[in-house]
């Protein structure tokens, strides 16, 4: 059985951020085009569930998973 990746904390300096913005801010993806492809393709999970909405509003404590990495939205 494979262990889940450790969770990395990514401070955003505020209360919330949109999923697409966070993927770039956290360094998981480089461009808006990559974000669109990954999210609409079902390769991004929020709190363990696939979410296909780039504009989803994330809140503090949400955990985003992509490509074997997990990052948490922090203040």
C-alpha atoms as a PDB file:
ATOM      1  CA  UNK A   1       0.000   0.000   0.000  1.00  0.00           C
ATOM      2  CA  UNK A   2       1.354   3.403  -0.983  1.00  0.00           C
ATOM      3  CA  UNK A   3       1.599   6.178   1.587  1.00  0.00           C
ATOM      4  CA  UNK A   4      -0.104   9.442   0.608  1.00  0.00           C
ATOM      5  CA  UNK A   5       2.231  12.319  -0.160  1.00  0.00           C
ATOM      6  CA  UNK A   6       3.023  14.629   2.741  1.00  0.00           C
ATOM      7  CA  UNK A   7       0.988  17.813   2.833  1.00  0.00           C
ATOM      8  CA  UNK A   8       2.844  21.033   2.032  1.00  0.00           C
ATOM      9  CA  UNK A   9       1.492  24.269   3.507  1.00  0.00           C
ATOM     10  CA  UNK A  10       1.203  27.192   1.056  1.00  0.00           C
ATOM     11  CA  UNK A  11       0.468  30.558   2.683  1.00  0.00           C
ATOM     12  CA  UNK A  12      -1.734  32.734   0.467  1.00  0.00           C
ATOM     13  CA  UNK A  13      -1.746  35.882   2.611  1.00  0.00           C
ATOM     14  CA  UNK A  14      -5.519  36.113   2.736  1.00  0.00           C
ATOM     15  CA  UNK A  15      -8.753  34.269   3.396  1.00  0.00           C
ATOM     16  CA  UNK A  16      -9.419  32.627   0.039  1.00  0.00           C
ATOM     17  CA  UNK A  17      -8.205  32.028  -3.499  1.00  0.00           C
ATOM     18  CA  UNK A  18      -9.617  30.422  -6.636  1.00  0.00           C
ATOM     19  CA  UNK A  19      -8.469  26.912  -7.546  1.00  0.00           C
ATOM     20  CA  UNK A  20      -6.875  27.915 -10.847  1.00  0.00           C
ATOM     21  CA  UNK A  21      -4.931  30.740  -9.222  1.00  0.00           C
ATOM     22  CA  UNK A  22      -3.816  28.506  -6.364  1.00  0.00           C
ATOM     23  CA  UNK A  23      -2.462  25.802  -8.676  1.00  0.00           C
ATOM     24  CA  UNK A  24      -0.143  28.379 -10.261  1.00  0.00           C
ATOM     25  CA  UNK A  25       0.648  30.182  -6.975  1.00  0.00           C
ATOM     26  CA  UNK A  26       1.641  26.897  -5.288  1.00  0.00           C
ATOM     27  CA  UNK A  27       3.887  25.988  -8.214  1.00  0.00           C
ATOM     28  CA  UNK A  28       1.892  22.901  -9.182  1.00  0.00           C
ATOM     29  CA  UNK A  29       1.327  24.219 -12.722  1.00  0.00           C
ATOM     30  CA  UNK A  30       2.961  26.977 -14.750  1.00  0.00           C
ATOM     31  CA  UNK A  31       0.314  28.417 -17.051  1.00  0.00           C
ATOM     32  CA  UNK A  32      -3.396  29.067 -17.310  1.00  0.00           C
ATOM     33  CA  UNK A  33      -3.573  26.638 -20.220  1.00  0.00           C
ATOM     34  CA  UNK A  34      -1.996  23.873 -18.122  1.00  0.00           C
ATOM     35  CA  UNK A  35      -4.411  24.646 -15.286  1.00  0.00           C
ATOM     36  CA  UNK A  36      -7.433  24.464 -17.589  1.00  0.00           C
ATOM     37  CA  UNK A  37      -6.299  21.138 -19.060  1.00  0.00           C
ATOM     38  CA  UNK A  38      -5.553  19.569 -15.660  1.00  0.00           C
ATOM     39  CA  UNK A  39      -8.747  20.761 -13.952  1.00  0.00           C
ATOM     40  CA  UNK A  40     -11.195  20.017 -16.769  1.00  0.00           C
ATOM     41  CA  UNK A  41      -9.444  16.683 -17.349  1.00  0.00           C
ATOM     42  CA  UNK A  42     -10.235  15.614 -13.777  1.00  0.00           C
ATOM     43  CA  UNK A  43      -6.621  15.476 -12.587  1.00  0.00           C
ATOM     44  CA  UNK A  44      -7.064  17.861  -9.631  1.00  0.00           C
ATOM     45  CA  UNK A  45      -8.656  16.950  -6.298  1.00  0.00           C
ATOM     46  CA  UNK A  46      -9.851  19.273  -3.549  1.00  0.00           C
ATOM     47  CA  UNK A  47     -10.167  17.661  -0.126  1.00  0.00           C
ATOM     48  CA  UNK A  48      -9.901  14.228  -1.747  1.00  0.00           C
ATOM     49  CA  UNK A  49     -12.588  14.742  -4.410  1.00  0.00           C
ATOM     50  CA  UNK A  50     -12.049  15.576  -8.087  1.00  0.00           C
ATOM     51  CA  UNK A  51     -13.207  19.101  -8.891  1.00  0.00           C
ATOM     52  CA  UNK A  52     -13.456  20.363 -12.475  1.00  0.00           C
ATOM     53  CA  UNK A  53     -14.117  24.038 -11.632  1.00  0.00           C
ATOM     54  CA  UNK A  54     -11.103  26.338 -12.051  1.00  0.00           C
ATOM     55  CA  UNK A  55     -13.086  29.103 -10.372  1.00  0.00           C
ATOM     56  CA  UNK A  56     -13.893  27.103  -7.248  1.00  0.00           C
ATOM     57  CA  UNK A  57     -13.271  29.294  -4.225  1.00  0.00           C
ATOM     58  CA  UNK A  58     -10.803  27.624  -1.866  1.00  0.00           C
ATOM     59  CA  UNK A  59     -10.778  28.466   1.817  1.00  0.00           C
ATOM     60  CA  UNK A  60      -8.134  28.129   4.500  1.00  0.00           C
ATOM     61  CA  UNK A  61      -7.467  24.480   5.294  1.00  0.00           C
ATOM     62  CA  UNK A  62      -8.506  23.091   1.892  1.00  0.00           C
ATOM     63  CA  UNK A  63      -6.088  20.479   0.528  1.00  0.00           C
ATOM     64  CA  UNK A  64      -5.423  20.397  -3.208  1.00  0.00           C
ATOM     65  CA  UNK A  65      -3.931  17.306  -4.824  1.00  0.00           C
ATOM     66  CA  UNK A  66      -2.264  17.100  -8.222  1.00  0.00           C
ATOM     67  CA  UNK A  67       0.392  14.853  -9.756  1.00  0.00           C
ATOM     68  CA  UNK A  68       1.225  13.083  -6.500  1.00  0.00           C
ATOM     69  CA  UNK A  69       1.540  16.286  -4.466  1.00  0.00           C
ATOM     70  CA  UNK A  70      -0.798  17.630  -1.797  1.00  0.00           C
ATOM     71  CA  UNK A  71      -0.815  21.262  -0.720  1.00  0.00           C
ATOM     72  CA  UNK A  72      -2.892  22.998   1.951  1.00  0.00           C
ATOM     73  CA  UNK A  73      -4.241  26.551   1.711  1.00  0.00           C
ATOM     74  CA  UNK A  74      -2.847  28.474   4.697  1.00  0.00           C
ATOM     75  CA  UNK A  75      -3.144  32.093   5.861  1.00  0.00           C
END
